[in-house]
Amino acid sequence: MNTALIPEIARQILLRNLSGAILIDFAGMKSSARPKLLPALEQALKADPLNPRCLGFSHLGFAEITRPRVRPPLHEFLS
């Protein structure tokens, strides 16, 4: 079940310092089952010191998260 993956998703976001708009595709789920994942996703993101926001699901079925950027984007950093 996709619920078991949520803590690992939150851990990877923090570990890799992902920021900006983050989309998660919970593949193989019916559209009616997706909203049931929101409480678990919001709970997993609470441990993040940057306080990412879970915005819900897009029309295409992606979970939408925004996480503040504290550093410049990689393309600016490298140029």
N, C-alpha and C. Protein backbone atom coordinates (compact mmCIF):
# COMPACT_ATOMS: atom_id res chain seq x y z
N MET A 1 0.85 -1.19 0.00
CA MET A 1 0.00 0.00 0.00
C MET A 1 0.89 1.24 0.00
N ASN A 2 0.43 2.29 -0.62
CA ASN A 2 1.19 3.53 -0.73
C ASN A 2 1.41 4.21 0.61
N THR A 3 0.57 3.94 1.60
CA THR A 3 0.72 4.56 2.91
C THR A 3 2.06 4.20 3.53
N ALA A 4 2.54 3.01 3.31
CA ALA A 4 3.81 2.57 3.88
C ALA A 4 5.00 3.32 3.29
N LEU A 5 4.84 3.89 2.12
CA LEU A 5 5.92 4.62 1.46
C LEU A 5 6.05 6.07 1.95
N ILE A 6 5.03 6.59 2.56
CA ILE A 6 5.01 8.01 2.90
C ILE A 6 6.16 8.42 3.83
N PRO A 7 6.47 7.70 4.90
CA PRO A 7 7.62 8.11 5.72
C PRO A 7 8.94 8.16 4.93
N GLU A 8 9.12 7.23 4.01
CA GLU A 8 10.35 7.22 3.20
C GLU A 8 10.36 8.38 2.22
N ILE A 9 9.22 8.73 1.68
CA ILE A 9 9.14 9.89 0.78
C ILE A 9 9.55 11.15 1.54
N ALA A 10 9.01 11.34 2.74
CA ALA A 10 9.36 12.52 3.54
C ALA A 10 10.84 12.50 3.89
N ARG A 11 11.38 11.34 4.20
CA ARG A 11 12.81 11.23 4.54
C ARG A 11 13.68 11.60 3.34
N GLN A 12 13.31 11.16 2.15
CA GLN A 12 14.09 11.46 0.95
C GLN A 12 14.03 12.94 0.59
N ILE A 13 12.89 13.56 0.80
CA ILE A 13 12.78 15.00 0.54
C ILE A 13 13.75 15.76 1.43
N LEU A 14 13.80 15.40 2.69
CA LEU A 14 14.69 16.04 3.64
C LEU A 14 16.16 15.69 3.34
N LEU A 15 16.45 14.43 3.10
CA LEU A 15 17.80 13.96 2.84
C LEU A 15 18.40 14.64 1.61
N ARG A 16 17.63 14.75 0.56
CA ARG A 16 18.12 15.32 -0.70
C ARG A 16 17.91 16.83 -0.79
N ASN A 17 17.33 17.39 0.27
CA ASN A 17 17.08 18.83 0.35
C ASN A 17 16.30 19.32 -0.87
N LEU A 18 15.27 18.57 -1.25
CA LEU A 18 14.43 18.98 -2.37
C LEU A 18 13.62 20.20 -1.95
N SER A 19 13.40 21.10 -2.87
CA SER A 19 12.62 22.29 -2.54
C SER A 19 11.89 22.79 -3.77
N GLY A 20 11.06 23.80 -3.55
CA GLY A 20 10.22 24.30 -4.61
C GLY A 20 8.96 23.46 -4.70
N ALA A 21 8.49 23.27 -5.92
CA ALA A 21 7.30 22.45 -6.15
C ALA A 21 7.73 20.99 -6.28
N ILE A 22 7.13 20.13 -5.48
CA ILE A 22 7.44 18.70 -5.49
C ILE A 22 6.14 17.96 -5.80
N LEU A 23 6.19 17.09 -6.79
CA LEU A 23 5.03 16.28 -7.18
C LEU A 23 5.32 14.82 -6.90
N ILE A 24 4.36 14.13 -6.30
CA ILE A 24 4.51 12.71 -6.01
C ILE A 24 3.39 11.97 -6.71
N ASP A 25 3.76 10.95 -7.45
CA ASP A 25 2.79 10.13 -8.18
C ASP A 25 2.57 8.84 -7.40
N PHE A 26 1.43 8.73 -6.76
CA PHE A 26 1.05 7.49 -6.09
C PHE A 26 0.38 6.61 -7.14
N ALA A 27 1.19 5.92 -7.90
CA ALA A 27 0.71 5.16 -9.05
C ALA A 27 -0.19 4.00 -8.64
N GLY A 28 -1.14 3.72 -9.49
CA GLY A 28 -1.99 2.55 -9.31
C GLY A 28 -3.12 2.74 -8.31
N MET A 29 -3.35 3.97 -7.88
CA MET A 29 -4.43 4.21 -6.92
C MET A 29 -5.65 4.79 -7.62
N LYS A 30 -6.80 4.42 -7.15
CA LYS A 30 -8.03 5.04 -7.64
C LYS A 30 -8.08 6.48 -7.14
N SER A 31 -8.66 7.34 -7.94
CA SER A 31 -8.71 8.76 -7.57
C SER A 31 -9.49 8.98 -6.26
N SER A 32 -10.43 8.12 -5.97
CA SER A 32 -11.21 8.27 -4.73
C SER A 32 -10.40 7.89 -3.49
N ALA A 33 -9.34 7.10 -3.66
CA ALA A 33 -8.52 6.66 -2.52
C ALA A 33 -7.39 7.63 -2.19
N ARG A 34 -7.02 8.47 -3.14
CA ARG A 34 -5.88 9.37 -2.92
C ARG A 34 -6.06 10.33 -1.75
N PRO A 35 -7.19 10.98 -1.58
CA PRO A 35 -7.31 11.93 -0.46
C PRO A 35 -7.11 11.30 0.92
N LYS A 36 -7.28 10.00 1.02
CA LYS A 36 -7.05 9.33 2.30
C LYS A 36 -5.58 9.33 2.70
N LEU A 37 -4.69 9.59 1.75
CA LEU A 37 -3.26 9.63 2.03
C LEU A 37 -2.81 10.97 2.61
N LEU A 38 -3.61 12.01 2.44
CA LEU A 38 -3.19 13.35 2.87
C LEU A 38 -2.84 13.45 4.35
N PRO A 39 -3.64 12.93 5.28
CA PRO A 39 -3.26 13.05 6.69
C PRO A 39 -1.90 12.41 7.00
N ALA A 40 -1.64 11.25 6.42
CA ALA A 40 -0.35 10.59 6.66
C ALA A 40 0.80 11.38 6.05
N LEU A 41 0.58 11.95 4.88
CA LEU A 41 1.61 12.75 4.23
C LEU A 41 1.90 14.02 5.02
N GLU A 42 0.85 14.69 5.47
CA GLU A 42 1.03 15.90 6.28
C GLU A 42 1.75 15.59 7.59
N GLN A 43 1.42 14.47 8.21
CA GLN A 43 2.06 14.06 9.46
C GLN A 43 3.55 13.78 9.24
N ALA A 44 3.89 13.11 8.15
CA ALA A 44 5.28 12.78 7.86
C ALA A 44 6.10 14.03 7.57
N LEU A 45 5.48 15.05 6.99
CA LEU A 45 6.20 16.27 6.66
C LEU A 45 6.39 17.20 7.86
N LYS A 46 5.71 16.94 8.96
CA LYS A 46 5.84 17.78 10.16
C LYS A 46 7.25 17.76 10.75
N ALA A 47 8.00 16.70 10.53
CA ALA A 47 9.35 16.60 11.09
C ALA A 47 10.35 17.48 10.33
N ASP A 48 9.95 18.02 9.20
CA ASP A 48 10.84 18.84 8.38
C ASP A 48 10.92 20.26 8.95
N PRO A 49 12.13 20.76 9.25
CA PRO A 49 12.25 22.10 9.83
C PRO A 49 11.85 23.24 8.88
N LEU A 50 11.78 22.97 7.58
CA LEU A 50 11.39 24.02 6.63
C LEU A 50 9.87 24.11 6.45
N ASN A 51 9.13 23.28 7.15
CA ASN A 51 7.67 23.30 7.13
C ASN A 51 7.07 23.26 5.72
N PRO A 52 7.31 22.18 4.99
CA PRO A 52 6.69 22.07 3.67
C PRO A 52 5.17 22.01 3.79
N ARG A 53 4.49 22.45 2.74
CA ARG A 53 3.02 22.45 2.74
C ARG A 53 2.52 21.44 1.72
N CYS A 54 1.60 20.62 2.14
CA CYS A 54 0.95 19.68 1.24
C CYS A 54 -0.32 20.37 0.73
N LEU A 55 -0.40 20.54 -0.58
CA LEU A 55 -1.50 21.29 -1.18
C LEU A 55 -2.64 20.41 -1.65
N GLY A 56 -2.50 19.10 -1.51
CA GLY A 56 -3.54 18.20 -1.98
C GLY A 56 -3.12 17.52 -3.26
N PHE A 57 -4.10 17.08 -4.03
CA PHE A 57 -3.84 16.36 -5.27
C PHE A 57 -4.25 17.18 -6.47
N SER A 58 -3.43 17.13 -7.52
CA SER A 58 -3.73 17.85 -8.75
C SER A 58 -4.79 17.08 -9.54
N HIS A 59 -5.23 17.68 -10.63
CA HIS A 59 -6.21 17.01 -11.49
C HIS A 59 -5.63 15.76 -12.15
N LEU A 60 -4.31 15.70 -12.26
CA LEU A 60 -3.66 14.53 -12.84
C LEU A 60 -3.36 13.46 -11.80
N GLY A 61 -3.66 13.72 -10.53
CA GLY A 61 -3.48 12.73 -9.49
C GLY A 61 -2.17 12.79 -8.73
N PHE A 62 -1.38 13.85 -8.94
CA PHE A 62 -0.12 14.00 -8.23
C PHE A 62 -0.34 14.70 -6.90
N ALA A 63 0.33 14.23 -5.84
CA ALA A 63 0.33 14.95 -4.58
C ALA A 63 1.24 16.15 -4.77
N GLU A 64 0.78 17.33 -4.38
CA GLU A 64 1.54 18.56 -4.56
C GLU A 64 2.06 19.05 -3.22
N ILE A 65 3.37 19.28 -3.17
CA ILE A 65 4.02 19.78 -1.96
C ILE A 65 4.86 20.97 -2.35
N THR A 66 4.86 22.00 -1.53
CA THR A 66 5.80 23.10 -1.72
C THR A 66 6.71 23.14 -0.50
N ARG A 67 7.99 23.33 -0.78
CA ARG A 67 8.99 23.41 0.29
C ARG A 67 9.87 24.60 -0.03
N PRO A 68 10.05 25.50 0.94
CA PRO A 68 10.84 26.72 0.68
C PRO A 68 12.28 26.41 0.28
N ARG A 69 12.78 27.25 -0.61
CA ARG A 69 14.19 27.15 -0.99
C ARG A 69 15.00 28.03 -0.05
N VAL A 70 16.08 27.50 0.47
CA VAL A 70 16.94 28.29 1.33
C VAL A 70 18.29 28.55 0.67
N ARG A 71 18.51 27.92 -0.45
CA ARG A 71 19.73 28.11 -1.24
C ARG A 71 19.33 28.40 -2.67
N PRO A 72 20.23 29.00 -3.44
CA PRO A 72 19.90 29.24 -4.85
C PRO A 72 19.75 27.91 -5.61
N PRO A 73 18.99 27.91 -6.70
CA PRO A 73 18.84 26.70 -7.51
C PRO A 73 20.20 26.22 -8.03
N LEU A 74 20.31 24.94 -8.31
CA LEU A 74 21.57 24.36 -8.74
C LEU A 74 22.13 25.03 -10.00
N HIS A 75 21.28 25.37 -10.95
CA HIS A 75 21.80 25.99 -12.18
C HIS A 75 22.40 27.36 -11.91
N GLU A 76 21.90 28.09 -10.92
CA GLU A 76 22.51 29.38 -10.56
C GLU A 76 23.80 29.16 -9.78
N PHE A 77 23.82 28.17 -8.96
CA PHE A 77 25.00 27.87 -8.15
C PHE A 77 26.18 27.46 -9.03
N LEU A 78 25.92 26.73 -10.11
CA LEU A 78 26.98 26.23 -10.97
C LEU A 78 27.47 27.24 -11.99
N SER A 79 26.72 28.30 -12.23
CA SER A 79 27.15 29.27 -13.25
C SER A 79 27.80 30.49 -12.65
